[in-house]
Amino acid sequence: MKKLDSVGLGITAGMILPVLVYMVLYFTKVMDIRHVLFSDYSILSTILPLLISHCVLPNIILFFICNALDKMLTAKGVVIATLIMTVGVFATKLITAVL
């Protein structure tokens, strides 16, 4: 069971879980919005960071599960993946503010 405790596994799980949550959010909420709205830059610049932020929240649950199972390296990978996504949200906000 020691091989299930690795930073790479945590990063992979921390990147895949938000994508799955994004897909669920898209097909339940965002799909109601017409595609034309997504071509509008101002609406896209406000929706995208919000969706990415909501998709990163499940990583907190994953982190606590890894922590409770004493998989510290995997938990470290989840934190790294969360930081990467947070930098992505910050960069998106910064780019849309400048443009």
N, C-alpha and C. Protein backbone atom coordinates (compact mmCIF):
# COMPACT_ATOMS: atom_id res chain seq x y z
N MET A 1 0.81 -1.21 0.00
CA MET A 1 0.00 0.00 0.00
C MET A 1 0.85 1.26 0.00
N LYS A 2 2.14 1.10 0.20
CA LYS A 2 3.01 2.28 0.24
C LYS A 2 3.10 2.95 -1.13
N LYS A 3 2.89 2.17 -2.22
CA LYS A 3 3.00 2.77 -3.54
C LYS A 3 1.83 3.71 -3.84
N LEU A 4 0.75 3.62 -3.08
CA LEU A 4 -0.37 4.54 -3.26
C LEU A 4 -0.14 5.88 -2.56
N ASP A 5 1.02 6.04 -1.95
CA ASP A 5 1.35 7.28 -1.27
C ASP A 5 2.49 7.95 -2.02
N SER A 6 2.14 8.76 -3.03
CA SER A 6 3.18 9.45 -3.79
C SER A 6 2.67 10.84 -4.19
N VAL A 7 3.60 11.73 -4.38
CA VAL A 7 3.27 13.10 -4.77
C VAL A 7 2.63 13.11 -6.16
N GLY A 8 3.14 12.28 -7.06
CA GLY A 8 2.60 12.22 -8.42
C GLY A 8 1.13 11.79 -8.43
N LEU A 9 0.79 10.83 -7.60
CA LEU A 9 -0.60 10.39 -7.50
C LEU A 9 -1.48 11.53 -6.97
N GLY A 10 -0.98 12.27 -6.00
CA GLY A 10 -1.73 13.40 -5.46
C GLY A 10 -1.94 14.50 -6.48
N ILE A 11 -0.90 14.80 -7.25
CA ILE A 11 -1.03 15.83 -8.29
C ILE A 11 -2.02 15.38 -9.35
N THR A 12 -1.92 14.11 -9.75
CA THR A 12 -2.84 13.58 -10.76
C THR A 12 -4.28 13.62 -10.27
N ALA A 13 -4.52 13.14 -9.06
CA ALA A 13 -5.87 13.15 -8.50
C ALA A 13 -6.36 14.58 -8.29
N GLY A 14 -5.46 15.46 -7.88
CA GLY A 14 -5.82 16.87 -7.66
C GLY A 14 -6.12 17.62 -8.94
N MET A 15 -5.65 17.12 -10.07
CA MET A 15 -5.97 17.74 -11.36
C MET A 15 -7.20 17.10 -12.01
N ILE A 16 -7.39 15.80 -11.80
CA ILE A 16 -8.52 15.10 -12.43
C ILE A 16 -9.83 15.42 -11.72
N LEU A 17 -9.82 15.47 -10.40
CA LEU A 17 -11.07 15.74 -9.65
C LEU A 17 -11.70 17.07 -10.04
N PRO A 18 -10.96 18.18 -10.13
CA PRO A 18 -11.59 19.43 -10.57
C PRO A 18 -12.15 19.36 -11.98
N VAL A 19 -11.50 18.61 -12.87
CA VAL A 19 -12.02 18.47 -14.23
C VAL A 19 -13.37 17.74 -14.20
N LEU A 20 -13.46 16.69 -13.39
CA LEU A 20 -14.73 15.97 -13.26
C LEU A 20 -15.82 16.86 -12.67
N VAL A 21 -15.46 17.66 -11.67
CA VAL A 21 -16.44 18.58 -11.07
C VAL A 21 -16.85 19.64 -12.09
N TYR A 22 -15.90 20.11 -12.89
CA TYR A 22 -16.21 21.08 -13.94
C TYR A 22 -17.21 20.50 -14.93
N MET A 23 -17.00 19.25 -15.31
CA MET A 23 -17.91 18.61 -16.25
C MET A 23 -19.32 18.49 -15.67
N VAL A 24 -19.40 18.15 -14.41
CA VAL A 24 -20.72 18.06 -13.75
C VAL A 24 -21.37 19.44 -13.70
N LEU A 25 -20.60 20.45 -13.31
CA LEU A 25 -21.14 21.81 -13.26
C LEU A 25 -21.58 22.29 -14.64
N TYR A 26 -20.79 21.97 -15.66
CA TYR A 26 -21.11 22.42 -17.00
C TYR A 26 -22.41 21.79 -17.48
N PHE A 27 -22.54 20.49 -17.30
CA PHE A 27 -23.72 19.81 -17.83
C PHE A 27 -24.97 20.04 -17.00
N THR A 28 -24.82 20.51 -15.76
CA THR A 28 -26.01 20.79 -14.95
C THR A 28 -26.39 22.26 -14.93
N LYS A 29 -25.43 23.15 -14.96
CA LYS A 29 -25.73 24.58 -14.82
C LYS A 29 -25.44 25.39 -16.08
N VAL A 30 -24.23 25.29 -16.57
CA VAL A 30 -23.76 26.18 -17.63
C VAL A 30 -24.39 25.84 -18.97
N MET A 31 -24.76 24.59 -19.18
CA MET A 31 -25.31 24.19 -20.47
C MET A 31 -26.62 24.93 -20.76
N ASP A 32 -27.29 25.42 -19.72
CA ASP A 32 -28.52 26.18 -19.92
C ASP A 32 -28.26 27.53 -20.60
N ILE A 33 -27.04 28.04 -20.43
CA ILE A 33 -26.67 29.32 -21.04
C ILE A 33 -26.34 29.06 -22.51
N ARG A 34 -26.84 29.89 -23.35
CA ARG A 34 -26.57 29.70 -24.78
C ARG A 34 -25.09 29.83 -25.10
N HIS A 35 -24.66 29.16 -26.13
CA HIS A 35 -23.26 29.18 -26.54
C HIS A 35 -22.81 30.58 -26.94
N VAL A 36 -23.73 31.41 -27.38
CA VAL A 36 -23.39 32.77 -27.80
C VAL A 36 -22.81 33.56 -26.63
N LEU A 37 -23.32 33.30 -25.43
CA LEU A 37 -22.81 34.02 -24.27
C LEU A 37 -21.35 33.69 -24.00
N PHE A 38 -20.93 32.46 -24.31
CA PHE A 38 -19.54 32.09 -24.07
C PHE A 38 -18.59 32.73 -25.06
N SER A 39 -19.11 33.22 -26.18
CA SER A 39 -18.24 33.90 -27.12
C SER A 39 -18.01 35.35 -26.71
N ASP A 40 -18.85 35.86 -25.82
CA ASP A 40 -18.67 37.22 -25.33
C ASP A 40 -17.54 37.24 -24.30
N TYR A 41 -16.54 38.05 -24.55
CA TYR A 41 -15.33 38.07 -23.72
C TYR A 41 -15.61 38.50 -22.29
N SER A 42 -16.46 39.48 -22.11
CA SER A 42 -16.71 39.99 -20.76
C SER A 42 -17.40 38.95 -19.89
N ILE A 43 -18.32 38.21 -20.47
CA ILE A 43 -18.99 37.17 -19.69
C ILE A 43 -18.06 36.01 -19.43
N LEU A 44 -17.27 35.63 -20.43
CA LEU A 44 -16.31 34.54 -20.25
C LEU A 44 -15.27 34.88 -19.19
N SER A 45 -14.85 36.13 -19.13
CA SER A 45 -13.84 36.52 -18.15
C SER A 45 -14.37 36.49 -16.72
N THR A 46 -15.68 36.57 -16.55
CA THR A 46 -16.23 36.48 -15.20
C THR A 46 -16.64 35.06 -14.84
N ILE A 47 -17.04 34.26 -15.82
CA ILE A 47 -17.50 32.91 -15.54
C ILE A 47 -16.32 31.95 -15.34
N LEU A 48 -15.28 32.06 -16.16
CA LEU A 48 -14.18 31.11 -16.11
C LEU A 48 -13.48 31.06 -14.75
N PRO A 49 -13.06 32.17 -14.16
CA PRO A 49 -12.43 32.09 -12.84
C PRO A 49 -13.37 31.54 -11.77
N LEU A 50 -14.65 31.86 -11.89
CA LEU A 50 -15.62 31.35 -10.93
C LEU A 50 -15.74 29.84 -11.03
N LEU A 51 -15.80 29.33 -12.25
CA LEU A 51 -15.89 27.88 -12.43
C LEU A 51 -14.62 27.18 -11.95
N ILE A 52 -13.46 27.74 -12.26
CA ILE A 52 -12.21 27.13 -11.80
C ILE A 52 -12.16 27.14 -10.28
N SER A 53 -12.60 28.21 -9.66
CA SER A 53 -12.60 28.30 -8.19
C SER A 53 -13.50 27.24 -7.58
N HIS A 54 -14.67 27.06 -8.16
CA HIS A 54 -15.59 26.05 -7.63
C HIS A 54 -15.07 24.63 -7.88
N CYS A 55 -14.32 24.46 -8.92
CA CYS A 55 -13.78 23.13 -9.21
C CYS A 55 -12.61 22.76 -8.29
N VAL A 56 -11.94 23.73 -7.74
CA VAL A 56 -10.82 23.45 -6.85
C VAL A 56 -11.30 23.08 -5.44
N LEU A 57 -12.49 23.48 -5.08
CA LEU A 57 -13.01 23.19 -3.74
C LEU A 57 -13.04 21.71 -3.39
N PRO A 58 -13.37 20.79 -4.30
CA PRO A 58 -13.33 19.36 -3.93
C PRO A 58 -11.94 18.85 -3.57
N ASN A 59 -10.91 19.57 -3.96
CA ASN A 59 -9.56 19.17 -3.56
C ASN A 59 -9.38 19.26 -2.05
N ILE A 60 -10.13 20.13 -1.40
CA ILE A 60 -10.06 20.22 0.05
C ILE A 60 -10.53 18.91 0.67
N ILE A 61 -11.63 18.38 0.14
CA ILE A 61 -12.15 17.11 0.65
C ILE A 61 -11.14 15.99 0.39
N LEU A 62 -10.57 15.98 -0.82
CA LEU A 62 -9.57 14.97 -1.15
C LEU A 62 -8.36 15.08 -0.25
N PHE A 63 -7.95 16.29 0.07
CA PHE A 63 -6.82 16.49 0.97
C PHE A 63 -7.11 15.91 2.35
N PHE A 64 -8.29 16.17 2.88
CA PHE A 64 -8.62 15.66 4.21
C PHE A 64 -8.77 14.14 4.22
N ILE A 65 -9.24 13.57 3.12
CA ILE A 65 -9.30 12.10 3.03
C ILE A 65 -7.90 11.51 3.04
N CYS A 66 -7.01 12.09 2.26
CA CYS A 66 -5.62 11.61 2.24
C CYS A 66 -4.95 11.81 3.59
N ASN A 67 -5.26 12.90 4.24
CA ASN A 67 -4.69 13.18 5.56
C ASN A 67 -5.20 12.16 6.58
N ALA A 68 -6.49 11.84 6.53
CA ALA A 68 -7.07 10.88 7.48
C ALA A 68 -6.52 9.47 7.25
N LEU A 69 -6.21 9.13 5.99
CA LEU A 69 -5.65 7.81 5.68
C LEU A 69 -4.14 7.76 5.85
N ASP A 70 -3.55 8.84 6.35
CA ASP A 70 -2.11 8.95 6.60
C ASP A 70 -1.30 8.78 5.32
N LYS A 71 -1.79 9.35 4.24
CA LYS A 71 -1.08 9.38 2.95
C LYS A 71 -0.55 10.79 2.75
N MET A 72 0.49 11.11 3.47
CA MET A 72 1.00 12.49 3.49
C MET A 72 1.60 12.93 2.16
N LEU A 73 2.25 12.04 1.44
CA LEU A 73 2.83 12.44 0.15
C LEU A 73 1.72 12.73 -0.86
N THR A 74 0.66 11.93 -0.82
CA THR A 74 -0.47 12.17 -1.72
C THR A 74 -1.15 13.48 -1.36
N ALA A 75 -1.30 13.74 -0.07
CA ALA A 75 -1.89 15.01 0.37
C ALA A 75 -1.03 16.19 -0.08
N LYS A 76 0.27 16.01 -0.05
CA LYS A 76 1.18 17.06 -0.53
C LYS A 76 0.98 17.31 -2.03
N GLY A 77 0.77 16.25 -2.80
CA GLY A 77 0.51 16.40 -4.23
C GLY A 77 -0.80 17.12 -4.50
N VAL A 78 -1.82 16.85 -3.69
CA VAL A 78 -3.11 17.54 -3.83
C VAL A 78 -2.94 19.03 -3.56
N VAL A 79 -2.14 19.36 -2.56
CA VAL A 79 -1.89 20.77 -2.26
C VAL A 79 -1.14 21.44 -3.42
N ILE A 80 -0.18 20.74 -4.01
CA ILE A 80 0.55 21.30 -5.15
C ILE A 80 -0.39 21.54 -6.32
N ALA A 81 -1.27 20.56 -6.60
CA ALA A 81 -2.24 20.72 -7.69
C ALA A 81 -3.18 21.89 -7.42
N THR A 82 -3.59 22.04 -6.17
CA THR A 82 -4.47 23.15 -5.81
C THR A 82 -3.76 24.49 -5.99
N LEU A 83 -2.49 24.55 -5.63
CA LEU A 83 -1.72 25.79 -5.82
C LEU A 83 -1.57 26.12 -7.30
N ILE A 84 -1.36 25.10 -8.13
CA ILE A 84 -1.25 25.32 -9.57
C ILE A 84 -2.56 25.90 -10.11
N MET A 85 -3.69 25.33 -9.67
CA MET A 85 -4.99 25.84 -10.13
C MET A 85 -5.24 27.25 -9.60
N THR A 86 -4.81 27.53 -8.38
CA THR A 86 -4.99 28.87 -7.81
C THR A 86 -4.19 29.90 -8.60
N VAL A 87 -2.98 29.54 -8.99
CA VAL A 87 -2.18 30.43 -9.83
C VAL A 87 -2.88 30.65 -11.17
N GLY A 88 -3.52 29.60 -11.69
CA GLY A 88 -4.29 29.73 -12.93
C GLY A 88 -5.43 30.71 -12.81
N VAL A 89 -6.15 30.65 -11.68
CA VAL A 89 -7.25 31.59 -11.44
C VAL A 89 -6.71 33.01 -11.33
N PHE A 90 -5.61 33.17 -10.59
CA PHE A 90 -5.00 34.49 -10.44
C PHE A 90 -4.55 35.04 -11.78
N ALA A 91 -3.92 34.19 -12.59
CA ALA A 91 -3.45 34.64 -13.90
C ALA A 91 -4.62 35.02 -14.80
N THR A 92 -5.70 34.24 -14.75
CA THR A 92 -6.88 34.56 -15.55
C THR A 92 -7.46 35.90 -15.14
N LYS A 93 -7.58 36.13 -13.84
CA LYS A 93 -8.10 37.41 -13.35
C LYS A 93 -7.18 38.57 -13.74
N LEU A 94 -5.88 38.36 -13.63
CA LEU A 94 -4.92 39.41 -13.97
C LEU A 94 -4.97 39.74 -15.45
N ILE A 95 -5.02 38.72 -16.29
CA ILE A 95 -5.05 38.95 -17.74
C ILE A 95 -6.34 39.65 -18.14
N THR A 96 -7.47 39.22 -17.57
CA THR A 96 -8.75 39.87 -17.95
C THR A 96 -8.83 41.29 -17.40
N ALA A 97 -8.15 41.58 -16.29
CA ALA A 97 -8.17 42.94 -15.76
C ALA A 97 -7.34 43.87 -16.63
N VAL A 98 -6.24 43.34 -17.18
CA VAL A 98 -5.36 44.16 -18.02
C VAL A 98 -5.99 44.42 -19.37
N LEU A 99 -6.65 43.41 -19.93
CA LEU A 99 -7.25 43.55 -21.25
C LEU A 99 -8.59 44.19 -21.08
